[in-house]
Amino acid sequence: MSEIKLDILAFGAHPDDVDLSCSGTLLKQIKLGYTAGIIDLTQGELGTRGSAELRLKEAAKAASILGVSLRENLSMADGFFQNDKEHQLQIIKKIRQYKPRVVLCNAVSDRHPDHGRASQLVSEACFYSGLRKIETFQDGKLQESWRPSAVYHYIQYRYIKPDFVIDVSPFVDTKMEAIKAFSSQFYDANSKEPESPISSKNFLDFVKSKMMAFGRDINVEYAEGFTCERTIGITDLFQLS
């Protein structure tokens, strides 16, 4: 049984969801001394470009660049996973295994239907993970119930007004390096594969410009935005930028 306990566990419906949307935040929190991990729900096997096998290799390379403590893939069916008991239990087992204080997950709604569905799936699993009468086992041992203190949703392809943004300016170059680890997905002048919405020549510029727009609101160069389902509390007015 794994003894790793994470401060932050980020879930993505597909390999590269986390990297594109909140890896700057993970880099920042790791720099501050926190532990973080990534769990991809699917292998992205329905993606226009690349393959499941290639994307797993790309995800491992990106994880190494980010310095996360772990990256796992639950091999749910891309495009066809559901927010049901079977899939919730898979996530509950991981939450109870790694006991994260904070969970990051997909946007509440987005261009890709998987994103909103994964958002609800992970959020509900986080709640149910705290119910001791839901029994799960790892290596034949009953797991303890565990509910994260907070669930935050990163913002993806479509704009959503964030509830808060995080300054990630010092980490943008490393974030972009991690994103580019998914080389099968993005622009390549020599690629013979079909084009997709994220393989256009200017897509990575779009990723940076979105961070610039979030950053402008708090007078920094780059930021990442998040939404939350409950009211955020602070203990000091001067914590706010």
Protein backbone atom coordinates (compact mmCIF):
# COMPACT_ATOMS: atom_id res chain seq x y z
CA MET A 1 0.00 0.00 0.00
CA SER A 2 1.35 3.41 -0.98
CA GLU A 3 2.49 5.61 1.89
CA ILE A 4 2.45 8.77 -0.26
CA LYS A 5 0.22 11.52 1.14
CA LEU A 6 -0.38 14.43 -1.20
CA ASP A 7 -1.23 18.03 -0.47
CA ILE A 8 -2.74 18.48 -3.94
CA LEU A 9 -4.23 15.92 -6.31
CA ALA A 10 -5.13 17.17 -9.80
CA PHE A 11 -7.52 15.16 -11.97
CA GLY A 12 -7.93 15.49 -15.72
CA ALA A 13 -10.35 13.79 -18.08
CA HIS A 14 -7.52 13.43 -20.62
CA PRO A 15 -3.74 13.47 -20.55
CA ASP A 16 -2.75 17.16 -21.03
CA ASP A 17 -5.89 18.65 -19.38
CA VAL A 18 -4.01 19.34 -16.16
CA ASP A 19 -0.86 20.44 -17.97
CA LEU A 20 -2.70 22.96 -20.14
CA SER A 21 -4.87 24.42 -17.41
CA CYS A 22 -3.26 24.35 -13.96
CA SER A 23 0.31 23.08 -14.18
CA GLY A 24 1.66 26.54 -13.38
CA THR A 25 -0.17 26.33 -10.07
CA LEU A 26 1.24 22.87 -9.40
CA LEU A 27 4.76 24.13 -10.14
CA LYS A 28 4.27 27.06 -7.77
CA GLN A 29 2.91 24.93 -4.93
CA ILE A 30 5.69 22.36 -5.34
CA LYS A 31 8.24 25.19 -5.17
CA LEU A 32 6.60 26.26 -1.91
CA GLY A 33 7.20 22.79 -0.48
CA TYR A 34 3.85 21.10 -1.09
CA THR A 35 3.42 17.67 -2.67
CA ALA A 36 1.29 17.21 -5.77
CA GLY A 37 0.16 14.41 -8.04
CA ILE A 38 -1.86 13.99 -11.23
CA ILE A 39 -4.45 11.37 -12.14
CA ASP A 40 -5.70 11.21 -15.73
CA LEU A 41 -9.07 9.51 -16.06
CA THR A 42 -8.66 8.32 -19.66
CA GLN A 43 -5.83 7.69 -22.08
CA GLY A 44 -7.31 10.12 -24.61
CA GLU A 45 -7.68 7.29 -27.08
CA LEU A 46 -10.38 9.09 -29.07
CA GLY A 47 -8.17 12.10 -29.71
CA THR A 48 -7.79 13.21 -33.32
CA ARG A 49 -4.01 12.92 -33.17
CA GLY A 50 -1.61 10.50 -31.52
CA SER A 51 -2.51 7.26 -29.77
CA ALA A 52 -3.20 6.04 -26.26
CA GLU A 53 0.27 4.50 -26.00
CA LEU A 54 1.99 7.67 -27.19
CA ARG A 55 -0.01 9.93 -24.90
CA LEU A 56 0.92 7.81 -21.88
CA LYS A 57 4.59 8.32 -22.76
CA GLU A 58 4.02 12.04 -23.24
CA ALA A 59 2.21 12.27 -19.88
CA ALA A 60 5.16 10.61 -18.13
CA LYS A 61 7.56 13.08 -19.73
CA ALA A 62 5.39 16.03 -18.69
CA ALA A 63 5.17 14.69 -15.13
CA SER A 64 8.97 14.56 -14.96
CA ILE A 65 9.18 18.17 -16.11
CA LEU A 66 6.63 19.29 -13.52
CA GLY A 67 8.24 17.36 -10.68
CA VAL A 68 5.00 15.86 -9.39
CA SER A 69 5.18 12.97 -6.92
CA LEU A 70 3.10 10.68 -9.12
CA ARG A 71 1.05 10.50 -12.29
CA GLU A 72 -1.43 7.69 -12.83
CA ASN A 73 -4.04 6.80 -15.43
CA LEU A 74 -7.35 5.14 -14.52
CA SER A 75 -7.97 3.94 -18.12
CA MET A 76 -11.61 4.96 -18.15
CA ALA A 77 -13.24 4.95 -21.60
CA ASP A 78 -12.52 8.19 -23.39
CA GLY A 79 -15.81 9.80 -24.37
CA PHE A 80 -17.93 7.16 -22.65
CA PHE A 81 -17.09 7.20 -18.94
CA GLN A 82 -20.05 8.05 -16.74
CA ASN A 83 -20.70 9.75 -13.43
CA ASP A 84 -21.93 6.57 -11.78
CA LYS A 85 -21.10 4.32 -8.84
CA GLU A 86 -18.48 2.28 -10.69
CA HIS A 87 -16.47 5.31 -11.78
CA GLN A 88 -16.95 7.20 -8.52
CA LEU A 89 -15.53 4.26 -6.59
CA GLN A 90 -12.38 4.30 -8.72
CA ILE A 91 -11.79 7.90 -7.77
CA ILE A 92 -12.78 7.42 -4.13
CA LYS A 93 -10.10 4.74 -3.80
CA LYS A 94 -7.46 7.16 -5.07
CA ILE A 95 -8.61 9.98 -2.81
CA ARG A 96 -8.50 7.67 0.20
CA GLN A 97 -5.12 6.32 -0.87
CA TYR A 98 -3.40 9.69 -1.27
CA LYS A 99 -5.49 11.79 1.17
CA PRO A 100 -5.09 15.13 -0.63
CA ARG A 101 -5.99 18.35 1.17
CA VAL A 102 -6.93 20.02 -2.13
CA VAL A 103 -8.33 18.49 -5.31
CA LEU A 104 -8.14 20.26 -8.67
CA CYS A 105 -10.40 19.04 -11.49
CA ASN A 106 -11.83 19.88 -14.88
CA ALA A 107 -13.85 22.95 -15.79
CA VAL A 108 -17.51 22.80 -14.77
CA SER A 109 -18.46 23.16 -18.45
CA ASP A 110 -16.39 23.31 -21.62
CA ARG A 111 -16.26 22.61 -25.35
CA HIS A 112 -15.47 18.92 -24.78
CA PRO A 113 -18.36 17.09 -23.05
CA ASP A 114 -15.88 14.92 -21.11
CA HIS A 115 -14.62 17.96 -19.21
CA GLY A 116 -17.88 18.94 -17.54
CA ARG A 117 -18.76 15.31 -16.87
CA ALA A 118 -15.34 14.65 -15.29
CA SER A 119 -15.75 17.79 -13.22
CA GLN A 120 -18.98 16.54 -11.67
CA LEU A 121 -17.69 12.97 -11.33
CA VAL A 122 -14.60 14.01 -9.36
CA SER A 123 -16.44 16.57 -7.26
CA GLU A 124 -19.11 14.08 -6.18
CA ALA A 125 -16.50 11.38 -5.52
CA CYS A 126 -14.67 13.79 -3.21
CA PHE A 127 -17.83 14.15 -1.14
CA TYR A 128 -18.66 10.45 -1.07
CA SER A 129 -15.07 9.63 -0.14
CA GLY A 130 -15.80 11.16 3.26
CA LEU A 131 -18.67 8.77 4.01
CA ARG A 132 -17.35 5.90 6.12
CA LYS A 133 -20.26 3.61 5.21
CA ILE A 134 -18.98 3.51 1.63
CA GLU A 135 -16.37 0.78 1.94
CA THR A 136 -13.38 0.51 -0.38
CA PHE A 137 -10.35 -1.73 -0.15
CA GLN A 138 -6.73 -1.51 -1.21
CA ASP A 139 -4.47 -4.55 -1.08
CA GLY A 140 -7.19 -6.34 0.84
CA LYS A 141 -7.34 -3.68 3.58
CA LEU A 142 -10.31 -1.44 4.35
CA GLN A 143 -9.51 2.16 3.47
CA GLU A 144 -10.22 5.01 5.86
CA SER A 145 -12.74 7.59 4.72
CA TRP A 146 -11.22 10.90 3.58
CA ARG A 147 -12.70 14.12 2.23
CA PRO A 148 -10.49 16.86 0.78
CA SER A 149 -10.79 20.27 2.38
CA ALA A 150 -11.41 21.95 -0.97
CA VAL A 151 -12.25 21.16 -4.60
CA TYR A 152 -11.33 23.76 -7.21
CA HIS A 153 -12.12 23.64 -10.92
CA TYR A 154 -9.55 24.90 -13.39
CA ILE A 155 -10.62 26.79 -16.51
CA GLN A 156 -10.06 25.22 -19.91
CA TYR A 157 -10.89 25.99 -23.55
CA ARG A 158 -13.93 28.21 -23.03
CA TYR A 159 -13.80 31.32 -20.88
CA ILE A 160 -15.39 31.12 -17.43
CA LYS A 161 -15.16 34.02 -15.02
CA PRO A 162 -12.79 32.80 -12.29
CA ASP A 163 -13.59 32.99 -8.59
CA PHE A 164 -9.87 33.46 -7.96
CA VAL A 165 -6.63 33.51 -9.93
CA ILE A 166 -3.10 32.48 -8.96
CA ASP A 167 0.05 34.32 -10.07
CA VAL A 168 2.17 31.78 -11.97
CA SER A 169 4.46 34.24 -13.77
CA PRO A 170 7.79 32.65 -12.71
CA PHE A 171 6.65 29.22 -13.87
CA VAL A 172 5.28 29.88 -17.35
CA ASP A 173 8.34 28.67 -19.25
CA THR A 174 8.36 25.34 -17.40
CA LYS A 175 4.61 25.01 -17.86
CA MET A 176 4.97 25.48 -21.60
CA GLU A 177 7.77 22.91 -21.67
CA ALA A 178 5.46 20.40 -19.95
CA ILE A 179 2.67 21.16 -22.42
CA LYS A 180 5.01 20.66 -25.36
CA ALA A 181 5.82 17.18 -24.03
CA PHE A 182 2.48 16.28 -25.62
CA SER A 183 4.03 16.85 -29.03
CA SER A 184 1.54 14.63 -30.85
CA GLN A 185 -1.29 17.00 -29.97
CA PHE A 186 0.07 20.36 -31.06
CA TYR A 187 1.29 22.10 -34.18
CA ASP A 188 3.92 20.29 -36.20
CA ALA A 189 4.55 21.47 -39.75
CA ASN A 190 5.70 17.96 -40.69
CA SER A 191 2.75 16.10 -39.20
CA LYS A 192 0.58 14.07 -41.59
CA GLU A 193 -2.22 13.65 -39.05
CA PRO A 194 -5.59 15.48 -39.25
CA GLU A 195 -5.86 18.95 -37.78
CA SER A 196 -7.68 19.51 -34.51
CA PRO A 197 -8.76 22.62 -32.57
CA ILE A 198 -5.57 22.43 -30.47
CA SER A 199 -3.14 21.61 -33.28
CA SER A 200 -3.44 25.03 -34.94
CA LYS A 201 -0.29 27.08 -35.26
CA ASN A 202 -1.42 29.70 -32.74
CA PHE A 203 -2.98 27.46 -30.06
CA LEU A 204 -0.07 27.67 -27.61
CA ASP A 205 -0.13 31.45 -28.04
CA PHE A 206 -3.79 31.27 -27.04
CA VAL A 207 -2.83 29.34 -23.87
CA LYS A 208 -0.36 32.07 -22.90
CA SER A 209 -2.71 34.91 -23.82
CA LYS A 210 -5.42 33.44 -21.58
CA MET A 211 -2.94 33.40 -18.69
CA MET A 212 -2.02 37.00 -19.53
CA ALA A 213 -5.68 38.02 -19.39
CA PHE A 214 -6.10 36.41 -15.95
CA GLY A 215 -2.84 37.99 -14.82
CA ARG A 216 -3.87 41.45 -15.92
CA ASP A 217 -6.75 41.41 -13.45
CA ILE A 218 -4.28 41.17 -10.54
CA ASN A 219 -1.46 43.20 -12.11
CA VAL A 220 0.89 40.30 -12.79
CA GLU A 221 2.19 38.92 -16.06
CA TYR A 222 0.57 35.47 -16.01
CA ALA A 223 -2.07 33.77 -13.86
CA GLU A 224 -4.31 30.70 -13.86
CA GLY A 225 -8.01 30.88 -13.03
CA PHE A 226 -10.20 28.63 -10.92
CA THR A 227 -13.82 28.37 -9.88
CA CYS A 228 -15.16 26.82 -6.69
CA GLU A 229 -18.44 25.41 -5.48
CA ARG A 230 -18.46 26.95 -2.02
CA THR A 231 -17.69 30.33 -0.50
CA ILE A 232 -13.98 30.97 0.00
CA GLY A 233 -12.94 32.26 3.43
CA ILE A 234 -9.79 34.17 4.34
CA THR A 235 -8.28 35.15 7.67
CA ASP A 236 -6.51 38.33 6.59
CA LEU A 237 -7.60 41.05 4.14
CA PHE A 238 -3.98 41.48 3.10
CA GLN A 239 -3.89 37.97 1.67
CA LEU A 240 -5.87 39.35 -1.25
CA SER A 241 -3.95 40.76 -4.23
